[in-house]
Amino acid sequence: MAACLWELETLMGPKLTDSVLQQAGANGGASFARGLVGETLPQGGEQVLRDCLAAYQAAGLGRLETEALEWPIGRALIRGHDTFES
């Protein structure tokens, strides 16, 4: 992975590389969540999101803490620790 990261940073620069990898992670997380709950959030979606975060943690993808959750607006602030893969 380190060689690929170095190659990306060499081609695109560190700022764009970070942005691309962050978006790829967000897209992967969204895909994982859709697999758990489907395309539309059911009633009680706040709990579904918390369950999804618990599933990430149970899978060993880091420690995730919900700092802010504005439901049903859809704004969530989740802080991750040791979450490179997630």
N, C-alpha and C. Protein backbone atom coordinates (compact mmCIF):
# COMPACT_ATOMS: atom_id res chain seq x y z
N MET A 1 0.82 -1.20 0.00
CA MET A 1 0.00 0.00 0.00
C MET A 1 0.86 1.25 0.00
N ALA A 2 1.97 1.23 0.72
CA ALA A 2 2.82 2.41 0.82
C ALA A 2 3.36 2.81 -0.55
N ALA A 3 3.74 1.83 -1.38
CA ALA A 3 4.25 2.15 -2.71
C ALA A 3 3.16 2.80 -3.55
N CYS A 4 1.96 2.28 -3.50
CA CYS A 4 0.85 2.87 -4.26
C CYS A 4 0.56 4.28 -3.78
N LEU A 5 0.59 4.51 -2.49
CA LEU A 5 0.34 5.83 -1.94
C LEU A 5 1.42 6.80 -2.42
N TRP A 6 2.67 6.37 -2.39
CA TRP A 6 3.76 7.22 -2.85
C TRP A 6 3.58 7.56 -4.32
N GLU A 7 3.17 6.57 -5.12
CA GLU A 7 2.97 6.81 -6.55
C GLU A 7 1.83 7.79 -6.79
N LEU A 8 0.74 7.65 -6.04
CA LEU A 8 -0.37 8.59 -6.18
C LEU A 8 0.06 10.01 -5.80
N GLU A 9 0.77 10.12 -4.68
CA GLU A 9 1.23 11.44 -4.24
C GLU A 9 2.19 12.05 -5.26
N THR A 10 3.01 11.23 -5.89
CA THR A 10 3.95 11.72 -6.90
C THR A 10 3.19 12.23 -8.12
N LEU A 11 2.16 11.51 -8.53
CA LEU A 11 1.39 11.90 -9.73
C LEU A 11 0.44 13.07 -9.48
N MET A 12 -0.24 13.06 -8.33
CA MET A 12 -1.32 14.03 -8.10
C MET A 12 -1.01 15.04 -7.01
N GLY A 13 -0.02 14.77 -6.18
CA GLY A 13 0.25 15.62 -5.04
C GLY A 13 -0.47 15.10 -3.81
N PRO A 14 0.04 15.43 -2.63
CA PRO A 14 -0.54 14.88 -1.40
C PRO A 14 -1.96 15.37 -1.11
N LYS A 15 -2.26 16.61 -1.45
CA LYS A 15 -3.59 17.16 -1.14
C LYS A 15 -4.69 16.44 -1.95
N LEU A 16 -4.48 16.30 -3.24
CA LEU A 16 -5.47 15.62 -4.08
C LEU A 16 -5.55 14.13 -3.73
N THR A 17 -4.41 13.52 -3.45
CA THR A 17 -4.40 12.11 -3.05
C THR A 17 -5.24 11.90 -1.79
N ASP A 18 -5.05 12.75 -0.78
CA ASP A 18 -5.84 12.65 0.44
C ASP A 18 -7.33 12.79 0.15
N SER A 19 -7.68 13.75 -0.70
CA SER A 19 -9.08 13.99 -1.05
C SER A 19 -9.69 12.78 -1.76
N VAL A 20 -8.96 12.21 -2.70
CA VAL A 20 -9.45 11.06 -3.46
C VAL A 20 -9.64 9.85 -2.54
N LEU A 21 -8.65 9.59 -1.68
CA LEU A 21 -8.76 8.45 -0.77
C LEU A 21 -9.88 8.64 0.25
N GLN A 22 -10.07 9.88 0.71
CA GLN A 22 -11.15 10.14 1.64
C GLN A 22 -12.50 9.90 0.97
N GLN A 23 -12.67 10.37 -0.27
CA GLN A 23 -13.93 10.17 -0.98
C GLN A 23 -14.15 8.69 -1.27
N ALA A 24 -13.09 7.96 -1.61
CA ALA A 24 -13.23 6.53 -1.85
C ALA A 24 -13.70 5.82 -0.57
N GLY A 25 -13.17 6.24 0.57
CA GLY A 25 -13.61 5.67 1.85
C GLY A 25 -15.05 5.98 2.13
N ALA A 26 -15.46 7.23 1.86
CA ALA A 26 -16.86 7.62 2.08
C ALA A 26 -17.79 6.82 1.17
N ASN A 27 -17.40 6.65 -0.08
CA ASN A 27 -18.22 5.87 -1.01
C ASN A 27 -18.33 4.42 -0.56
N GLY A 28 -17.22 3.86 -0.09
CA GLY A 28 -17.25 2.48 0.41
C GLY A 28 -18.14 2.35 1.63
N GLY A 29 -18.07 3.33 2.54
CA GLY A 29 -18.93 3.31 3.73
C GLY A 29 -20.39 3.42 3.36
N ALA A 30 -20.71 4.29 2.40
CA ALA A 30 -22.10 4.44 1.96
C ALA A 30 -22.61 3.14 1.33
N SER A 31 -21.77 2.49 0.55
CA SER A 31 -22.15 1.22 -0.06
C SER A 31 -22.40 0.16 1.01
N PHE A 32 -21.53 0.11 2.00
CA PHE A 32 -21.69 -0.84 3.10
C PHE A 32 -23.00 -0.58 3.84
N ALA A 33 -23.30 0.68 4.11
CA ALA A 33 -24.53 1.04 4.82
C ALA A 33 -25.76 0.67 4.00
N ARG A 34 -25.72 0.93 2.68
CA ARG A 34 -26.86 0.56 1.82
C ARG A 34 -27.08 -0.94 1.85
N GLY A 35 -26.01 -1.70 1.94
CA GLY A 35 -26.13 -3.15 2.02
C GLY A 35 -26.83 -3.59 3.31
N LEU A 36 -26.65 -2.82 4.38
CA LEU A 36 -27.28 -3.16 5.65
C LEU A 36 -28.74 -2.72 5.73
N VAL A 37 -29.04 -1.52 5.18
CA VAL A 37 -30.38 -0.96 5.40
C VAL A 37 -31.16 -0.68 4.13
N GLY A 38 -30.57 -0.82 2.96
CA GLY A 38 -31.27 -0.53 1.72
C GLY A 38 -31.08 0.92 1.32
N GLU A 39 -31.76 1.32 0.26
CA GLU A 39 -31.59 2.67 -0.30
C GLU A 39 -32.25 3.75 0.54
N THR A 40 -33.39 3.47 1.15
CA THR A 40 -34.08 4.49 1.94
C THR A 40 -34.02 4.14 3.40
N LEU A 41 -33.87 5.15 4.22
CA LEU A 41 -33.80 4.92 5.66
C LEU A 41 -35.19 4.68 6.23
N PRO A 42 -35.36 3.64 6.98
CA PRO A 42 -36.65 3.38 7.61
C PRO A 42 -36.86 4.29 8.81
N GLN A 43 -38.07 4.24 9.39
CA GLN A 43 -38.29 4.94 10.66
C GLN A 43 -37.28 4.40 11.65
N GLY A 44 -36.82 5.27 12.51
CA GLY A 44 -35.80 4.83 13.46
C GLY A 44 -34.43 4.77 12.82
N GLY A 45 -34.23 5.57 11.75
CA GLY A 45 -32.97 5.55 11.01
C GLY A 45 -31.78 5.90 11.87
N GLU A 46 -31.99 6.69 12.91
CA GLU A 46 -30.89 7.04 13.81
C GLU A 46 -30.30 5.77 14.43
N GLN A 47 -31.17 4.88 14.86
CA GLN A 47 -30.70 3.63 15.45
C GLN A 47 -30.03 2.76 14.40
N VAL A 48 -30.53 2.79 13.18
CA VAL A 48 -29.92 2.00 12.11
C VAL A 48 -28.49 2.49 11.87
N LEU A 49 -28.29 3.81 11.88
CA LEU A 49 -26.95 4.35 11.71
C LEU A 49 -26.04 3.90 12.86
N ARG A 50 -26.53 3.97 14.07
CA ARG A 50 -25.73 3.53 15.22
C ARG A 50 -25.41 2.03 15.10
N ASP A 51 -26.37 1.24 14.63
CA ASP A 51 -26.13 -0.19 14.44
C ASP A 51 -25.08 -0.43 13.36
N CYS A 52 -25.11 0.39 12.30
CA CYS A 52 -24.13 0.27 11.23
C CYS A 52 -22.73 0.57 11.76
N LEU A 53 -22.61 1.62 12.58
CA LEU A 53 -21.31 1.95 13.17
C LEU A 53 -20.83 0.83 14.08
N ALA A 54 -21.76 0.23 14.83
CA ALA A 54 -21.40 -0.89 15.69
C ALA A 54 -20.92 -2.07 14.86
N ALA A 55 -21.54 -2.30 13.69
CA ALA A 55 -21.11 -3.38 12.80
C ALA A 55 -19.70 -3.12 12.28
N TYR A 56 -19.41 -1.87 11.92
CA TYR A 56 -18.05 -1.52 11.50
C TYR A 56 -17.04 -1.87 12.59
N GLN A 57 -17.36 -1.47 13.82
CA GLN A 57 -16.44 -1.72 14.93
C GLN A 57 -16.29 -3.21 15.20
N ALA A 58 -17.40 -3.94 15.14
CA ALA A 58 -17.36 -5.39 15.37
C ALA A 58 -16.52 -6.09 14.31
N ALA A 59 -16.48 -5.51 13.10
CA ALA A 59 -15.70 -6.08 12.02
C ALA A 59 -14.21 -5.73 12.15
N GLY A 60 -13.87 -4.95 13.18
CA GLY A 60 -12.49 -4.59 13.41
C GLY A 60 -12.00 -3.41 12.58
N LEU A 61 -12.92 -2.56 12.14
CA LEU A 61 -12.56 -1.44 11.28
C LEU A 61 -12.34 -0.14 12.06
N GLY A 62 -12.01 -0.24 13.32
CA GLY A 62 -11.68 0.95 14.11
C GLY A 62 -12.73 1.26 15.15
N ARG A 63 -12.45 2.32 15.91
CA ARG A 63 -13.37 2.79 16.95
C ARG A 63 -14.03 4.06 16.45
N LEU A 64 -15.35 4.06 16.40
CA LEU A 64 -16.11 5.18 15.86
C LEU A 64 -16.99 5.78 16.96
N GLU A 65 -16.92 7.10 17.12
CA GLU A 65 -17.71 7.79 18.13
C GLU A 65 -18.62 8.81 17.46
N THR A 66 -19.90 8.78 17.79
CA THR A 66 -20.84 9.74 17.26
C THR A 66 -20.78 11.00 18.12
N GLU A 67 -20.32 12.11 17.53
CA GLU A 67 -20.22 13.36 18.27
C GLU A 67 -21.47 14.22 18.09
N ALA A 68 -22.09 14.15 16.92
CA ALA A 68 -23.32 14.90 16.66
C ALA A 68 -24.17 14.10 15.68
N LEU A 69 -25.46 14.07 15.94
CA LEU A 69 -26.37 13.35 15.04
C LEU A 69 -27.67 14.14 14.98
N GLU A 70 -27.87 14.82 13.87
CA GLU A 70 -29.08 15.62 13.67
C GLU A 70 -30.02 14.84 12.76
N TRP A 71 -31.00 14.25 13.36
CA TRP A 71 -31.92 13.40 12.63
C TRP A 71 -33.27 14.06 12.59
N PRO A 72 -34.03 14.09 11.53
CA PRO A 72 -33.83 13.41 10.25
C PRO A 72 -33.12 14.26 9.21
N ILE A 73 -32.49 15.38 9.60
CA ILE A 73 -31.81 16.24 8.63
C ILE A 73 -30.76 15.46 7.86
N GLY A 74 -30.08 14.57 8.54
CA GLY A 74 -29.09 13.74 7.86
C GLY A 74 -27.67 14.21 8.08
N ARG A 75 -27.44 15.02 9.10
CA ARG A 75 -26.08 15.45 9.41
C ARG A 75 -25.54 14.62 10.56
N ALA A 76 -24.39 14.03 10.34
CA ALA A 76 -23.75 13.23 11.39
C ALA A 76 -22.28 13.59 11.45
N LEU A 77 -21.78 13.77 12.66
CA LEU A 77 -20.36 13.98 12.87
C LEU A 77 -19.86 12.77 13.64
N ILE A 78 -19.04 11.98 12.97
CA ILE A 78 -18.53 10.74 13.56
C ILE A 78 -17.02 10.81 13.55
N ARG A 79 -16.44 10.65 14.70
CA ARG A 79 -14.98 10.69 14.83
C ARG A 79 -14.46 9.26 14.87
N GLY A 80 -13.48 8.98 14.01
CA GLY A 80 -12.90 7.65 13.95
C GLY A 80 -11.51 7.62 14.51
N HIS A 81 -11.18 6.55 15.20
CA HIS A 81 -9.85 6.32 15.75
C HIS A 81 -9.36 4.98 15.22
N ASP A 82 -8.16 4.95 14.67
CA ASP A 82 -7.59 3.73 14.09
C ASP A 82 -8.53 3.16 13.02
N THR A 83 -8.97 4.01 12.10
CA THR A 83 -10.00 3.62 11.13
C THR A 83 -9.52 3.71 9.69
N PHE A 84 -8.28 3.37 9.44
CA PHE A 84 -7.75 3.52 8.08
C PHE A 84 -8.63 2.82 7.05
N GLU A 85 -9.02 1.59 7.30
CA GLU A 85 -9.81 0.84 6.32
C GLU A 85 -11.24 1.35 6.21
N SER A 86 -11.86 1.78 7.30
CA SER A 86 -13.25 2.23 7.22
C SER A 86 -13.32 3.69 6.83
